[in-house]
């Protein structure tokens, strides 16, 4: 998904931003990704997923949740997306 935006209208300085959002579900989506970026997205996901799992673990421990049901973990992890932003000079 591609979009452009200027930011909040009531801000003194407007910030233009062009963005691309891409879902990262390799089992369902990787054949739809551009071949030029497919490898990079899969590598990114390989490195980011353990970080997200560790972050979830730390947050749950902060809430005094010591373990979660294995069926709830995918719901808590949510869907991985990559957002790429370009801010023109």
C-alpha atoms as a PDB file:
ATOM      1  CA  UNK A   1       0.000   0.000   0.000  1.00  0.00           C
ATOM      2  CA  UNK A   2       1.355   3.443  -0.951  1.00  0.00           C
ATOM      3  CA  UNK A   3       0.277   6.758   0.525  1.00  0.00           C
ATOM      4  CA  UNK A   4       1.412  10.355   0.933  1.00  0.00           C
ATOM      5  CA  UNK A   5       0.692  12.763   3.730  1.00  0.00           C
ATOM      6  CA  UNK A   6       1.527  16.183   5.063  1.00  0.00           C
ATOM      7  CA  UNK A   7       1.108  15.541   8.791  1.00  0.00           C
ATOM      8  CA  UNK A   8      -1.044  17.409  11.273  1.00  0.00           C
ATOM      9  CA  UNK A   9      -2.712  20.515   9.864  1.00  0.00           C
ATOM     10  CA  UNK A  10      -2.372  22.442  13.118  1.00  0.00           C
ATOM     11  CA  UNK A  11       1.425  22.009  13.284  1.00  0.00           C
ATOM     12  CA  UNK A  12       3.631  25.012  12.546  1.00  0.00           C
ATOM     13  CA  UNK A  13       5.892  23.026  10.183  1.00  0.00           C
ATOM     14  CA  UNK A  14       4.245  20.553   7.851  1.00  0.00           C
ATOM     15  CA  UNK A  15       6.169  17.364   7.086  1.00  0.00           C
ATOM     16  CA  UNK A  16       5.547  15.685   3.755  1.00  0.00           C
ATOM     17  CA  UNK A  17       5.909  11.903   3.819  1.00  0.00           C
ATOM     18  CA  UNK A  18       5.576   9.226   1.158  1.00  0.00           C
ATOM     19  CA  UNK A  19       5.116   5.730   2.574  1.00  0.00           C
ATOM     20  CA  UNK A  20       4.901   2.132   1.483  1.00  0.00           C
ATOM     21  CA  UNK A  21       3.437  -0.532   3.768  1.00  0.00           C
ATOM     22  CA  UNK A  22       4.048  -4.203   3.022  1.00  0.00           C
ATOM     23  CA  UNK A  23       2.664  -7.195   4.911  1.00  0.00           C
ATOM     24  CA  UNK A  24       5.241  -9.831   5.854  1.00  0.00           C
ATOM     25  CA  UNK A  25       3.590 -13.217   5.827  1.00  0.00           C
ATOM     26  CA  UNK A  26       5.987 -15.316   3.726  1.00  0.00           C
ATOM     27  CA  UNK A  27       3.672 -18.321   3.555  1.00  0.00           C
ATOM     28  CA  UNK A  28       0.901 -16.267   1.939  1.00  0.00           C
ATOM     29  CA  UNK A  29       2.482 -13.137   0.520  1.00  0.00           C
ATOM     30  CA  UNK A  30       6.069 -13.716  -0.611  1.00  0.00           C
ATOM     31  CA  UNK A  31       5.055 -14.642  -4.156  1.00  0.00           C
ATOM     32  CA  UNK A  32       3.357 -11.214  -4.406  1.00  0.00           C
ATOM     33  CA  UNK A  33       6.441  -9.250  -3.319  1.00  0.00           C
ATOM     34  CA  UNK A  34       8.634  -7.603  -5.933  1.00  0.00           C
ATOM     35  CA  UNK A  35      11.481  -9.985  -6.807  1.00  0.00           C
ATOM     36  CA  UNK A  36      14.004  -7.160  -6.298  1.00  0.00           C
ATOM     37  CA  UNK A  37      13.158  -6.908  -2.569  1.00  0.00           C
ATOM     38  CA  UNK A  38      11.943 -10.410  -1.684  1.00  0.00           C
ATOM     39  CA  UNK A  39      15.254 -11.618  -0.230  1.00  0.00           C
ATOM     40  CA  UNK A  40      15.736  -8.444   1.823  1.00  0.00           C
ATOM     41  CA  UNK A  41      12.231  -8.658   3.305  1.00  0.00           C
ATOM     42  CA  UNK A  42      12.717 -12.308   4.261  1.00  0.00           C
ATOM     43  CA  UNK A  43      16.093 -11.498   5.870  1.00  0.00           C
ATOM     44  CA  UNK A  44      14.575  -8.549   7.731  1.00  0.00           C
ATOM     45  CA  UNK A  45      11.783 -10.748   9.042  1.00  0.00           C
ATOM     46  CA  UNK A  46      14.259 -13.424  10.130  1.00  0.00           C
ATOM     47  CA  UNK A  47      16.106 -10.886  12.316  1.00  0.00           C
ATOM     48  CA  UNK A  48      13.138  -8.849  13.574  1.00  0.00           C
ATOM     49  CA  UNK A  49      10.834 -11.676  14.668  1.00  0.00           C
ATOM     50  CA  UNK A  50      13.029 -12.810  17.621  1.00  0.00           C
ATOM     51  CA  UNK A  51      13.343  -9.172  18.733  1.00  0.00           C
ATOM     52  CA  UNK A  52       9.546  -8.795  18.697  1.00  0.00           C
ATOM     53  CA  UNK A  53       9.154 -12.041  20.655  1.00  0.00           C
ATOM     54  CA  UNK A  54      11.680 -10.846  23.260  1.00  0.00           C
ATOM     55  CA  UNK A  55       9.927  -7.481  23.522  1.00  0.00           C
ATOM     56  CA  UNK A  56       6.585  -9.240  24.060  1.00  0.00           C
ATOM     57  CA  UNK A  57       8.200 -11.409  26.741  1.00  0.00           C
ATOM     58  CA  UNK A  58       9.598  -8.357  28.567  1.00  0.00           C
ATOM     59  CA  UNK A  59       6.261  -6.537  28.389  1.00  0.00           C
ATOM     60  CA  UNK A  60       4.351  -9.549  29.695  1.00  0.00           C
ATOM     61  CA  UNK A  61       6.802 -10.013  32.568  1.00  0.00           C
ATOM     62  CA  UNK A  62       6.287  -6.333  33.421  1.00  0.00           C
ATOM     63  CA  UNK A  63       2.590  -7.161  33.708  1.00  0.00           C
ATOM     64  CA  UNK A  64       3.398 -10.173  35.938  1.00  0.00           C
ATOM     65  CA  UNK A  65       2.364 -12.643  33.225  1.00  0.00           C
ATOM     66  CA  UNK A  66       4.836 -15.520  33.481  1.00  0.00           C
ATOM     67  CA  UNK A  67       3.515 -17.696  30.681  1.00  0.00           C
ATOM     68  CA  UNK A  68       0.895 -17.523  27.972  1.00  0.00           C
ATOM     69  CA  UNK A  69      -1.131 -20.154  26.232  1.00  0.00           C
ATOM     70  CA  UNK A  70       0.654 -21.311  23.043  1.00  0.00           C
ATOM     71  CA  UNK A  71      -2.517 -20.564  21.086  1.00  0.00           C
ATOM     72  CA  UNK A  72      -2.582 -16.939  22.290  1.00  0.00           C
ATOM     73  CA  UNK A  73       0.991 -16.100  21.315  1.00  0.00           C
ATOM     74  CA  UNK A  74       0.245 -15.589  17.583  1.00  0.00           C
ATOM     75  CA  UNK A  75      -2.644 -13.302  18.524  1.00  0.00           C
ATOM     76  CA  UNK A  76      -0.413 -11.248  20.812  1.00  0.00           C
ATOM     77  CA  UNK A  77       2.364 -11.083  18.216  1.00  0.00           C
ATOM     78  CA  UNK A  78      -0.019  -9.766  15.571  1.00  0.00           C
ATOM     79  CA  UNK A  79       0.876  -9.329  11.932  1.00  0.00           C
ATOM     80  CA  UNK A  80       4.318  -8.202  10.845  1.00  0.00           C
ATOM     81  CA  UNK A  81       4.423  -5.254   8.454  1.00  0.00           C
ATOM     82  CA  UNK A  82       7.245  -3.205   7.035  1.00  0.00           C
ATOM     83  CA  UNK A  83       6.655   0.536   6.751  1.00  0.00           C
ATOM     84  CA  UNK A  84       9.112   2.472   4.622  1.00  0.00           C
ATOM     85  CA  UNK A  85       8.943   6.260   4.811  1.00  0.00           C
ATOM     86  CA  UNK A  86      10.533   8.830   2.536  1.00  0.00           C
ATOM     87  CA  UNK A  87      10.723  12.410   3.766  1.00  0.00           C
ATOM     88  CA  UNK A  88      11.590  14.709   0.845  1.00  0.00           C
ATOM     89  CA  UNK A  89      14.129  17.442   1.663  1.00  0.00           C
END
